[in-house]
Amino acid sequence: MLVVRPDFPVEDTKKRDALIEKIVKGGTIKDVTVLGKKQLAYPIRKQSEGIYLLIHITGDSIKTGDVQKEAKLGTDIIRFLLLEREA
């Protein structure tokens, strides 16, 4: 799950997919669900709102450390949560 800046163009699928592919190297994007703009519980990086994206990715060579590193470096990303689903 990603929380991106409220002014990020999520309707532009090329930009949205480019952001996700930059973070998830070695994986396949299975599904992207835009949950919409929501009020944050507290300001993060001077933002009081964020757009939530639920992303399902698959792949054998996904390294969680690399995903976390890229997500922290992204200027459009406010917060992220990475979970592994049992097969």
N, C-alpha and C. Protein backbone atom coordinates (compact mmCIF):
# COMPACT_ATOMS: atom_id res chain seq x y z
N MET A 1 0.85 -1.17 0.00
CA MET A 1 0.00 0.00 0.00
C MET A 1 0.89 1.23 0.00
N LEU A 2 0.53 2.19 -0.82
CA LEU A 2 1.24 3.45 -0.88
C LEU A 2 0.30 4.59 -0.54
N VAL A 3 0.82 5.59 0.14
CA VAL A 3 0.11 6.85 0.33
C VAL A 3 0.96 7.89 -0.38
N VAL A 4 0.37 8.49 -1.42
CA VAL A 4 1.11 9.47 -2.22
C VAL A 4 0.55 10.87 -1.96
N ARG A 5 1.30 11.88 -2.41
CA ARG A 5 0.88 13.27 -2.23
C ARG A 5 -0.52 13.49 -2.81
N PRO A 6 -1.30 14.40 -2.23
CA PRO A 6 -2.67 14.62 -2.72
C PRO A 6 -2.74 15.22 -4.12
N ASP A 7 -1.65 15.81 -4.60
CA ASP A 7 -1.66 16.38 -5.95
C ASP A 7 -1.03 15.44 -6.99
N PHE A 8 -0.74 14.19 -6.62
CA PHE A 8 -0.18 13.23 -7.56
C PHE A 8 -1.26 12.81 -8.56
N PRO A 9 -0.95 12.80 -9.87
CA PRO A 9 -1.96 12.47 -10.88
C PRO A 9 -2.21 10.96 -11.00
N VAL A 10 -3.04 10.41 -10.11
CA VAL A 10 -3.30 8.96 -10.15
C VAL A 10 -4.13 8.55 -11.35
N GLU A 11 -4.85 9.51 -11.97
CA GLU A 11 -5.64 9.18 -13.15
C GLU A 11 -4.74 8.91 -14.36
N ASP A 12 -3.54 9.48 -14.34
CA ASP A 12 -2.57 9.26 -15.40
C ASP A 12 -1.89 7.92 -15.15
N THR A 13 -2.36 6.89 -15.84
CA THR A 13 -1.87 5.54 -15.56
C THR A 13 -0.39 5.37 -15.89
N LYS A 14 0.12 6.12 -16.85
CA LYS A 14 1.55 6.01 -17.19
C LYS A 14 2.41 6.49 -16.03
N LYS A 15 2.08 7.63 -15.44
CA LYS A 15 2.86 8.14 -14.31
C LYS A 15 2.71 7.24 -13.09
N ARG A 16 1.49 6.78 -12.85
CA ARG A 16 1.23 5.91 -11.71
C ARG A 16 2.01 4.61 -11.84
N ASP A 17 1.95 3.98 -13.01
CA ASP A 17 2.67 2.73 -13.21
C ASP A 17 4.18 2.93 -13.20
N ALA A 18 4.65 4.07 -13.69
CA ALA A 18 6.09 4.36 -13.66
C ALA A 18 6.58 4.47 -12.23
N LEU A 19 5.79 5.11 -11.37
CA LEU A 19 6.16 5.23 -9.95
C LEU A 19 6.22 3.85 -9.30
N ILE A 20 5.24 3.02 -9.58
CA ILE A 20 5.20 1.68 -8.98
C ILE A 20 6.34 0.81 -9.50
N GLU A 21 6.59 0.85 -10.81
CA GLU A 21 7.67 0.04 -11.38
C GLU A 21 9.04 0.48 -10.89
N LYS A 22 9.19 1.76 -10.59
CA LYS A 22 10.45 2.26 -10.05
C LYS A 22 10.72 1.66 -8.67
N ILE A 23 9.66 1.49 -7.90
CA ILE A 23 9.79 0.93 -6.55
C ILE A 23 9.97 -0.57 -6.59
N VAL A 24 9.16 -1.24 -7.39
CA VAL A 24 9.13 -2.71 -7.41
C VAL A 24 9.91 -3.21 -8.62
N LYS A 25 11.19 -3.40 -8.42
CA LYS A 25 12.02 -3.94 -9.49
C LYS A 25 12.05 -5.46 -9.34
N GLY A 26 11.86 -6.17 -10.44
CA GLY A 26 11.88 -7.62 -10.40
C GLY A 26 10.54 -8.23 -10.08
N GLY A 27 9.49 -7.44 -10.06
CA GLY A 27 8.15 -7.96 -9.78
C GLY A 27 7.19 -7.57 -10.89
N THR A 28 6.04 -8.21 -10.87
CA THR A 28 4.99 -7.94 -11.85
C THR A 28 3.82 -7.29 -11.13
N ILE A 29 3.32 -6.19 -11.67
CA ILE A 29 2.16 -5.52 -11.10
C ILE A 29 0.93 -6.30 -11.52
N LYS A 30 0.24 -6.85 -10.54
CA LYS A 30 -0.93 -7.67 -10.81
C LYS A 30 -2.20 -6.80 -10.84
N ASP A 31 -2.31 -5.87 -9.88
CA ASP A 31 -3.51 -5.06 -9.78
C ASP A 31 -3.19 -3.78 -9.01
N VAL A 32 -3.79 -2.66 -9.43
CA VAL A 32 -3.66 -1.39 -8.73
C VAL A 32 -5.07 -0.86 -8.46
N THR A 33 -5.37 -0.62 -7.20
CA THR A 33 -6.66 -0.08 -6.82
C THR A 33 -6.45 1.27 -6.16
N VAL A 34 -7.09 2.29 -6.72
CA VAL A 34 -7.01 3.63 -6.14
C VAL A 34 -8.13 3.75 -5.12
N LEU A 35 -7.76 3.87 -3.84
CA LEU A 35 -8.75 3.96 -2.77
C LEU A 35 -9.23 5.38 -2.55
N GLY A 36 -8.55 6.34 -3.16
CA GLY A 36 -9.00 7.72 -3.10
C GLY A 36 -8.22 8.57 -2.11
N LYS A 37 -8.62 9.84 -2.09
CA LYS A 37 -7.97 10.82 -1.21
C LYS A 37 -8.63 10.76 0.16
N LYS A 38 -7.79 10.67 1.19
CA LYS A 38 -8.29 10.58 2.56
C LYS A 38 -7.50 11.52 3.46
N GLN A 39 -8.15 11.95 4.51
CA GLN A 39 -7.51 12.78 5.53
C GLN A 39 -6.56 11.92 6.35
N LEU A 40 -5.34 12.41 6.57
CA LEU A 40 -4.38 11.69 7.39
C LEU A 40 -4.65 11.98 8.87
N ALA A 41 -4.29 11.06 9.73
CA ALA A 41 -4.51 11.23 11.17
C ALA A 41 -3.65 12.36 11.74
N TYR A 42 -2.49 12.58 11.15
CA TYR A 42 -1.59 13.64 11.56
C TYR A 42 -0.78 14.06 10.33
N PRO A 43 -0.29 15.29 10.31
CA PRO A 43 0.48 15.75 9.14
C PRO A 43 1.77 14.96 8.96
N ILE A 44 2.02 14.57 7.71
CA ILE A 44 3.24 13.87 7.35
C ILE A 44 3.86 14.65 6.20
N ARG A 45 5.11 15.07 6.37
CA ARG A 45 5.81 15.87 5.35
C ARG A 45 4.97 17.08 4.93
N LYS A 46 4.37 17.71 5.91
CA LYS A 46 3.54 18.91 5.74
C LYS A 46 2.29 18.66 4.88
N GLN A 47 1.85 17.41 4.81
CA GLN A 47 0.64 17.05 4.08
C GLN A 47 -0.41 16.58 5.07
N SER A 48 -1.64 17.06 4.91
CA SER A 48 -2.73 16.62 5.80
C SER A 48 -3.65 15.62 5.10
N GLU A 49 -3.49 15.44 3.78
CA GLU A 49 -4.25 14.47 3.01
C GLU A 49 -3.30 13.63 2.18
N GLY A 50 -3.79 12.48 1.75
CA GLY A 50 -2.99 11.62 0.88
C GLY A 50 -3.89 10.74 0.05
N ILE A 51 -3.39 10.29 -1.08
CA ILE A 51 -4.13 9.37 -1.95
C ILE A 51 -3.59 7.96 -1.68
N TYR A 52 -4.50 7.06 -1.36
CA TYR A 52 -4.14 5.68 -1.03
C TYR A 52 -4.20 4.81 -2.28
N LEU A 53 -3.15 4.03 -2.49
CA LEU A 53 -3.08 3.08 -3.59
C LEU A 53 -2.81 1.69 -3.03
N LEU A 54 -3.65 0.74 -3.38
CA LEU A 54 -3.46 -0.65 -2.97
C LEU A 54 -2.91 -1.39 -4.18
N ILE A 55 -1.71 -1.95 -4.04
CA ILE A 55 -1.01 -2.56 -5.17
C ILE A 55 -0.73 -4.02 -4.86
N HIS A 56 -1.09 -4.90 -5.79
CA HIS A 56 -0.77 -6.32 -5.66
C HIS A 56 0.34 -6.62 -6.66
N ILE A 57 1.44 -7.13 -6.15
CA ILE A 57 2.57 -7.47 -7.01
C ILE A 57 2.94 -8.93 -6.80
N THR A 58 3.49 -9.54 -7.83
CA THR A 58 3.95 -10.92 -7.73
C THR A 58 5.36 -10.99 -8.29
N GLY A 59 6.07 -12.00 -7.88
CA GLY A 59 7.42 -12.21 -8.39
C GLY A 59 8.26 -12.97 -7.39
N ASP A 60 9.21 -13.70 -7.91
CA ASP A 60 10.10 -14.50 -7.06
C ASP A 60 11.32 -13.71 -6.60
N SER A 61 11.71 -12.71 -7.39
CA SER A 61 12.96 -12.02 -7.09
C SER A 61 12.73 -10.64 -6.45
N ILE A 62 11.62 -10.45 -5.77
CA ILE A 62 11.35 -9.17 -5.11
C ILE A 62 12.09 -9.15 -3.78
N LYS A 63 12.90 -8.12 -3.59
CA LYS A 63 13.65 -7.98 -2.35
C LYS A 63 13.01 -6.85 -1.54
N THR A 64 12.54 -7.18 -0.34
CA THR A 64 11.83 -6.19 0.47
C THR A 64 12.71 -5.02 0.86
N GLY A 65 13.97 -5.25 1.07
CA GLY A 65 14.89 -4.17 1.42
C GLY A 65 15.01 -3.15 0.30
N ASP A 66 15.07 -3.64 -0.94
CA ASP A 66 15.15 -2.73 -2.08
C ASP A 66 13.85 -1.94 -2.25
N VAL A 67 12.72 -2.59 -2.03
CA VAL A 67 11.43 -1.91 -2.14
C VAL A 67 11.33 -0.81 -1.09
N GLN A 68 11.72 -1.11 0.14
CA GLN A 68 11.68 -0.11 1.21
C GLN A 68 12.60 1.06 0.91
N LYS A 69 13.78 0.78 0.41
CA LYS A 69 14.75 1.83 0.10
C LYS A 69 14.20 2.77 -0.98
N GLU A 70 13.66 2.21 -2.05
CA GLU A 70 13.12 3.04 -3.14
C GLU A 70 11.90 3.83 -2.70
N ALA A 71 11.06 3.23 -1.85
CA ALA A 71 9.86 3.93 -1.38
C ALA A 71 10.23 5.10 -0.47
N LYS A 72 11.25 4.95 0.33
CA LYS A 72 11.68 6.04 1.20
C LYS A 72 12.31 7.18 0.42
N LEU A 73 12.94 6.87 -0.71
CA LEU A 73 13.58 7.90 -1.51
C LEU A 73 12.60 8.64 -2.42
N GLY A 74 11.43 8.06 -2.67
CA GLY A 74 10.47 8.67 -3.56
C GLY A 74 9.89 9.96 -2.99
N THR A 75 9.91 11.03 -3.78
CA THR A 75 9.39 12.31 -3.30
C THR A 75 7.87 12.37 -3.34
N ASP A 76 7.24 11.54 -4.15
CA ASP A 76 5.78 11.53 -4.25
C ASP A 76 5.14 10.66 -3.17
N ILE A 77 5.92 9.81 -2.54
CA ILE A 77 5.39 8.85 -1.57
C ILE A 77 5.47 9.44 -0.17
N ILE A 78 4.32 9.46 0.51
CA ILE A 78 4.28 9.95 1.89
C ILE A 78 4.58 8.80 2.85
N ARG A 79 3.88 7.69 2.68
CA ARG A 79 4.06 6.49 3.51
C ARG A 79 3.84 5.26 2.66
N PHE A 80 4.31 4.11 3.15
CA PHE A 80 4.09 2.84 2.47
C PHE A 80 3.97 1.73 3.50
N LEU A 81 3.32 0.67 3.09
CA LEU A 81 3.21 -0.52 3.92
C LEU A 81 3.41 -1.71 3.00
N LEU A 82 4.29 -2.60 3.37
CA LEU A 82 4.62 -3.76 2.56
C LEU A 82 4.26 -5.02 3.34
N LEU A 83 3.38 -5.82 2.76
CA LEU A 83 2.95 -7.08 3.39
C LEU A 83 3.17 -8.22 2.42
N GLU A 84 3.49 -9.39 2.98
CA GLU A 84 3.64 -10.59 2.16
C GLU A 84 2.44 -11.49 2.39
N ARG A 85 1.80 -11.87 1.31
CA ARG A 85 0.63 -12.74 1.40
C ARG A 85 1.08 -14.19 1.33
N GLU A 86 0.53 -15.01 2.18
CA GLU A 86 0.84 -16.44 2.16
C GLU A 86 0.24 -17.06 0.90
N ALA A 87 0.98 -17.98 0.31
CA ALA A 87 0.53 -18.63 -0.93
C ALA A 87 -0.48 -19.71 -0.67
